[in-house]
N, C-alpha and C. Protein backbone atom coordinates (compact mmCIF):
# COMPACT_ATOMS: atom_id res chain seq x y z
N LYS A 1 -50.93 -79.20 -33.26
CA LYS A 1 -50.47 -78.89 -34.63
C LYS A 1 -51.74 -79.35 -35.82
N VAL A 2 -52.12 -80.63 -35.57
CA VAL A 2 -53.03 -81.11 -36.42
C VAL A 2 -54.14 -80.06 -36.70
N LEU A 3 -54.73 -79.63 -35.61
CA LEU A 3 -55.60 -78.51 -35.70
C LEU A 3 -55.33 -77.22 -36.45
N SER A 4 -54.21 -76.73 -36.41
CA SER A 4 -53.66 -75.74 -36.93
C SER A 4 -53.59 -75.84 -38.37
N ALA A 5 -53.21 -77.30 -38.82
CA ALA A 5 -53.12 -77.43 -40.34
C ALA A 5 -54.25 -77.63 -40.78
N VAL A 6 -55.29 -78.22 -40.12
CA VAL A 6 -56.55 -78.13 -40.58
C VAL A 6 -57.24 -76.67 -40.82
N GLU A 7 -57.21 -76.15 -39.97
CA GLU A 7 -57.60 -74.57 -39.80
C GLU A 7 -57.01 -73.75 -41.17
N THR A 8 -55.66 -74.18 -41.27
CA THR A 8 -55.04 -73.36 -42.66
C THR A 8 -55.88 -73.82 -43.67
N LYS A 9 -56.25 -75.26 -43.82
CA LYS A 9 -56.86 -75.67 -45.15
C LYS A 9 -58.48 -75.20 -45.28
N VAL A 10 -58.93 -75.12 -43.99
CA VAL A 10 -60.48 -75.03 -43.82
C VAL A 10 -60.79 -73.99 -42.81
N PRO A 11 -60.47 -72.73 -43.24
CA PRO A 11 -60.78 -71.66 -42.20
C PRO A 11 -62.04 -71.64 -41.71
N GLY A 12 -61.93 -71.45 -40.19
CA GLY A 12 -63.25 -71.27 -39.64
C GLY A 12 -63.57 -72.88 -38.81
N TYR A 13 -63.01 -73.91 -39.28
CA TYR A 13 -63.10 -75.20 -38.58
C TYR A 13 -63.10 -75.37 -37.13
N PHE A 14 -61.98 -74.45 -36.83
CA PHE A 14 -61.83 -74.58 -35.32
C PHE A 14 -63.06 -73.94 -34.48
N ASP A 15 -63.82 -72.98 -35.03
CA ASP A 15 -64.65 -72.22 -34.31
C ASP A 15 -65.88 -73.28 -34.12
N LYS A 16 -66.09 -74.12 -35.21
CA LYS A 16 -67.38 -75.01 -35.15
C LYS A 16 -66.98 -76.19 -33.97
N ILE A 17 -65.54 -76.48 -33.72
CA ILE A 17 -65.27 -77.64 -32.82
C ILE A 17 -64.77 -77.06 -31.50
N ARG A 18 -64.66 -75.69 -31.25
CA ARG A 18 -63.84 -74.92 -30.14
C ARG A 18 -64.42 -75.58 -28.82
N GLU A 19 -65.78 -75.86 -28.62
CA GLU A 19 -66.23 -76.22 -27.14
C GLU A 19 -65.73 -77.67 -27.02
N ASP A 20 -65.84 -78.56 -27.98
CA ASP A 20 -65.22 -79.90 -27.94
C ASP A 20 -64.06 -80.12 -27.61
N VAL A 21 -63.04 -79.17 -28.15
CA VAL A 21 -61.71 -79.36 -27.80
C VAL A 21 -61.61 -78.73 -26.60
N VAL A 22 -62.02 -77.68 -26.29
CA VAL A 22 -61.71 -77.02 -24.70
C VAL A 22 -62.08 -77.88 -23.91
N SER A 23 -63.27 -78.59 -23.94
CA SER A 23 -63.99 -79.40 -22.71
C SER A 23 -63.36 -81.02 -22.84
N ARG A 24 -62.63 -81.27 -23.81
CA ARG A 24 -62.64 -82.90 -24.03
C ARG A 24 -61.83 -83.42 -22.81
N ASP A 25 -60.68 -82.72 -22.37
CA ASP A 25 -59.82 -83.45 -21.44
C ASP A 25 -59.86 -82.70 -19.88
N LYS A 26 -60.90 -82.15 -19.71
CA LYS A 26 -61.33 -81.49 -18.57
C LYS A 26 -61.29 -82.42 -17.25
N GLY A 27 -60.52 -82.02 -16.32
CA GLY A 27 -60.33 -82.72 -14.88
C GLY A 27 -59.84 -84.16 -15.04
N LYS A 28 -59.15 -84.44 -16.17
CA LYS A 28 -58.59 -85.87 -16.16
C LYS A 28 -57.20 -85.92 -16.06
N ASP A 29 -56.86 -85.52 -14.84
CA ASP A 29 -55.44 -85.77 -14.29
C ASP A 29 -55.46 -86.17 -12.82
N ASP A 30 -54.64 -86.22 -12.21
CA ASP A 30 -54.50 -86.66 -10.78
C ASP A 30 -55.10 -85.51 -9.93
N THR A 31 -54.86 -84.18 -10.25
CA THR A 31 -55.25 -83.15 -9.64
C THR A 31 -56.88 -82.73 -9.67
N GLY A 32 -57.14 -83.20 -10.91
CA GLY A 32 -58.64 -82.90 -11.52
C GLY A 32 -58.77 -81.37 -11.87
N THR A 33 -57.41 -80.70 -12.00
CA THR A 33 -57.38 -79.33 -12.57
C THR A 33 -57.12 -79.27 -13.92
N TRP A 34 -56.93 -80.41 -14.65
CA TRP A 34 -56.22 -80.28 -16.09
C TRP A 34 -57.52 -79.58 -16.83
N GLY A 35 -57.16 -78.93 -17.76
CA GLY A 35 -58.23 -77.99 -18.75
C GLY A 35 -57.46 -77.42 -19.91
N THR A 36 -58.30 -76.69 -20.75
CA THR A 36 -57.78 -76.02 -21.83
C THR A 36 -58.37 -74.62 -21.82
N ASP A 37 -57.65 -73.61 -21.91
CA ASP A 37 -58.17 -72.22 -22.35
C ASP A 37 -57.76 -71.82 -23.53
N THR A 38 -58.41 -70.59 -23.90
CA THR A 38 -58.06 -70.05 -25.22
C THR A 38 -57.93 -68.55 -25.01
N MET A 39 -57.02 -68.02 -26.01
CA MET A 39 -57.04 -66.53 -26.00
C MET A 39 -56.79 -66.10 -27.66
N VAL A 40 -57.56 -64.99 -28.03
CA VAL A 40 -57.58 -64.71 -29.47
C VAL A 40 -56.73 -63.42 -29.48
N PHE A 41 -55.86 -63.55 -30.68
CA PHE A 41 -55.01 -62.58 -30.97
C PHE A 41 -55.32 -61.80 -32.27
N GLN A 42 -54.87 -60.64 -32.24
CA GLN A 42 -54.77 -59.82 -33.84
C GLN A 42 -53.63 -60.34 -34.56
N ASP A 43 -53.59 -59.98 -35.74
CA ASP A 43 -52.39 -60.33 -36.55
C ASP A 43 -51.11 -60.00 -36.23
N ASP A 44 -50.74 -58.85 -35.58
CA ASP A 44 -49.44 -58.45 -35.00
C ASP A 44 -49.12 -58.97 -33.89
N GLU A 45 -50.20 -59.23 -32.98
CA GLU A 45 -49.77 -60.00 -31.67
C GLU A 45 -49.59 -61.39 -31.87
N LEU A 46 -50.26 -62.22 -32.87
CA LEU A 46 -49.95 -63.58 -33.04
C LEU A 46 -48.61 -63.83 -33.41
N SER A 47 -47.99 -62.95 -34.44
CA SER A 47 -46.62 -63.25 -34.89
C SER A 47 -45.52 -63.01 -33.69
N TYR A 48 -46.04 -61.84 -32.95
CA TYR A 48 -45.06 -61.69 -31.92
C TYR A 48 -45.13 -62.72 -30.91
N ALA A 49 -46.34 -63.15 -30.58
CA ALA A 49 -46.40 -64.25 -29.52
C ALA A 49 -45.74 -65.52 -30.11
N LEU A 50 -45.85 -65.72 -31.37
CA LEU A 50 -45.01 -66.88 -32.01
C LEU A 50 -43.74 -66.69 -31.88
N GLY A 51 -43.18 -65.90 -32.33
CA GLY A 51 -41.87 -65.64 -32.42
C GLY A 51 -41.02 -66.28 -33.57
N LYS A 52 -39.80 -65.98 -33.61
CA LYS A 52 -38.85 -66.66 -34.81
C LYS A 52 -39.01 -68.12 -34.65
N GLN A 53 -39.37 -68.79 -35.67
CA GLN A 53 -39.23 -70.00 -35.69
C GLN A 53 -39.90 -70.74 -34.54
N GLY A 54 -40.96 -70.03 -33.89
CA GLY A 54 -41.76 -70.50 -32.82
C GLY A 54 -41.03 -70.47 -31.54
N GLY A 55 -39.98 -69.74 -31.40
CA GLY A 55 -39.26 -69.52 -30.35
C GLY A 55 -39.73 -68.92 -28.97
N THR A 56 -40.50 -67.97 -29.13
CA THR A 56 -41.19 -67.48 -28.17
C THR A 56 -42.48 -68.46 -27.53
N ARG A 57 -43.12 -69.13 -28.55
CA ARG A 57 -44.02 -70.07 -27.81
C ARG A 57 -43.50 -71.20 -27.22
N LYS A 58 -42.19 -71.49 -27.64
CA LYS A 58 -41.26 -72.72 -26.90
C LYS A 58 -41.07 -72.24 -25.49
N LYS A 59 -40.49 -71.11 -25.58
CA LYS A 59 -40.21 -70.33 -24.08
C LYS A 59 -41.37 -70.37 -23.09
N LEU A 60 -42.28 -70.00 -23.67
CA LEU A 60 -43.59 -69.72 -23.05
C LEU A 60 -43.94 -70.97 -22.35
N GLU A 61 -44.05 -72.21 -23.27
CA GLU A 61 -44.23 -73.60 -22.90
C GLU A 61 -43.21 -74.02 -21.71
N ARG A 62 -41.97 -73.89 -21.88
CA ARG A 62 -41.02 -74.30 -20.99
C ARG A 62 -41.34 -73.49 -19.50
N SER A 63 -41.49 -72.33 -19.62
CA SER A 63 -41.39 -71.56 -18.37
C SER A 63 -42.89 -71.69 -17.71
N SER A 64 -43.93 -71.82 -18.35
CA SER A 64 -45.34 -72.03 -17.83
C SER A 64 -45.76 -73.43 -17.47
N GLU A 65 -44.76 -74.34 -18.07
CA GLU A 65 -45.10 -75.88 -17.95
C GLU A 65 -46.56 -76.19 -18.63
N ALA A 66 -46.99 -75.24 -19.37
CA ALA A 66 -48.22 -75.64 -20.12
C ALA A 66 -48.16 -75.96 -21.54
N VAL A 67 -49.01 -76.72 -22.23
CA VAL A 67 -48.82 -76.81 -23.57
C VAL A 67 -49.69 -75.76 -24.37
N ILE A 68 -48.90 -75.04 -25.05
CA ILE A 68 -49.23 -73.93 -25.98
C ILE A 68 -49.11 -74.16 -27.27
N GLN A 69 -50.19 -74.14 -28.15
CA GLN A 69 -50.58 -74.25 -29.36
C GLN A 69 -51.21 -73.05 -29.90
N TYR A 70 -51.02 -72.51 -31.31
CA TYR A 70 -51.86 -71.62 -32.04
C TYR A 70 -52.39 -72.44 -33.04
N VAL A 71 -53.67 -72.13 -33.19
CA VAL A 71 -54.72 -72.44 -34.28
C VAL A 71 -55.24 -71.29 -35.06
N GLY A 72 -54.93 -70.94 -36.08
CA GLY A 72 -55.53 -69.42 -36.62
C GLY A 72 -54.99 -68.37 -35.63
N HIS A 73 -55.94 -67.49 -35.21
CA HIS A 73 -55.48 -66.37 -34.46
C HIS A 73 -55.77 -66.85 -32.97
N THR A 74 -55.97 -68.11 -32.56
CA THR A 74 -56.23 -68.38 -31.30
C THR A 74 -55.00 -69.26 -30.54
N ALA A 75 -54.83 -68.82 -29.33
CA ALA A 75 -53.86 -69.54 -28.56
C ALA A 75 -54.40 -70.62 -27.49
N ILE A 76 -53.93 -71.80 -27.60
CA ILE A 76 -54.68 -72.73 -26.73
C ILE A 76 -53.75 -73.00 -25.69
N PHE A 77 -54.08 -73.06 -24.53
CA PHE A 77 -53.31 -73.38 -23.35
C PHE A 77 -53.97 -74.68 -22.73
N SER A 78 -53.03 -75.56 -22.51
CA SER A 78 -53.57 -76.92 -21.74
C SER A 78 -52.53 -77.01 -20.87
N GLY A 79 -53.28 -77.63 -19.59
CA GLY A 79 -52.23 -78.11 -18.38
C GLY A 79 -53.16 -77.99 -17.35
N THR A 80 -52.59 -78.05 -16.06
CA THR A 80 -53.19 -77.78 -14.77
C THR A 80 -53.59 -76.30 -14.85
N ARG A 81 -54.62 -76.07 -13.69
CA ARG A 81 -55.03 -74.74 -13.53
C ARG A 81 -53.92 -73.66 -13.49
N THR A 82 -52.96 -74.06 -12.50
CA THR A 82 -51.88 -73.48 -12.33
C THR A 82 -50.87 -73.08 -13.73
N GLN A 83 -50.78 -74.03 -14.38
CA GLN A 83 -49.96 -74.08 -15.49
C GLN A 83 -50.58 -73.04 -16.43
N ARG A 84 -51.83 -73.23 -16.65
CA ARG A 84 -52.72 -72.25 -17.61
C ARG A 84 -52.56 -71.04 -17.06
N LYS A 85 -52.90 -70.73 -15.77
CA LYS A 85 -52.76 -69.24 -15.34
C LYS A 85 -51.48 -68.57 -15.52
N ARG A 86 -50.51 -69.41 -15.24
CA ARG A 86 -48.93 -68.93 -15.50
C ARG A 86 -48.83 -68.71 -16.97
N ALA A 87 -49.51 -69.55 -17.93
CA ALA A 87 -49.11 -69.26 -19.23
C ALA A 87 -49.97 -67.98 -19.80
N ARG A 88 -51.20 -67.88 -19.48
CA ARG A 88 -51.82 -66.66 -19.54
C ARG A 88 -51.06 -65.28 -19.10
N GLU A 89 -50.84 -65.53 -17.83
CA GLU A 89 -49.80 -64.31 -17.32
C GLU A 89 -48.58 -63.80 -18.05
N TYR A 90 -47.76 -65.02 -18.24
CA TYR A 90 -46.76 -64.58 -19.30
C TYR A 90 -47.06 -64.15 -20.40
N MET A 91 -48.32 -64.59 -21.08
CA MET A 91 -48.56 -64.27 -22.69
C MET A 91 -48.93 -62.59 -22.32
N LYS A 92 -49.76 -62.23 -21.30
CA LYS A 92 -50.17 -60.79 -21.33
C LYS A 92 -48.69 -59.92 -21.09
N TRP A 93 -47.74 -60.39 -20.14
CA TRP A 93 -46.46 -59.73 -19.91
C TRP A 93 -45.91 -59.32 -21.41
N LEU A 94 -45.94 -60.20 -22.41
CA LEU A 94 -45.46 -59.85 -23.73
C LEU A 94 -45.86 -58.89 -24.24
N PHE A 95 -47.14 -58.39 -24.01
CA PHE A 95 -47.89 -57.29 -24.81
C PHE A 95 -47.84 -55.88 -23.85
N GLU A 96 -47.18 -55.92 -22.81
CA GLU A 96 -47.00 -54.93 -21.77
C GLU A 96 -46.11 -53.75 -22.32
């Protein structure tokens, strides 16, 4: 959420630090599969993926068990490899 607030105040900031954010916690869990993936959205896709009061994002988080946040037009998925894969699949289903 902090990154999202910073990106709102300083557009383009996330692009400058993207690699640091994505690689920061890679493999730092018991399974060694923890990581972060990203997915970029268009304007209309972003509002749909977020949902009313973040409802869709919260449902995606609960069902995939991944941490999902939006920074600008980028979705950030953090979790184990399985959780991130599930979150990405569920996100793709939204747009089918």
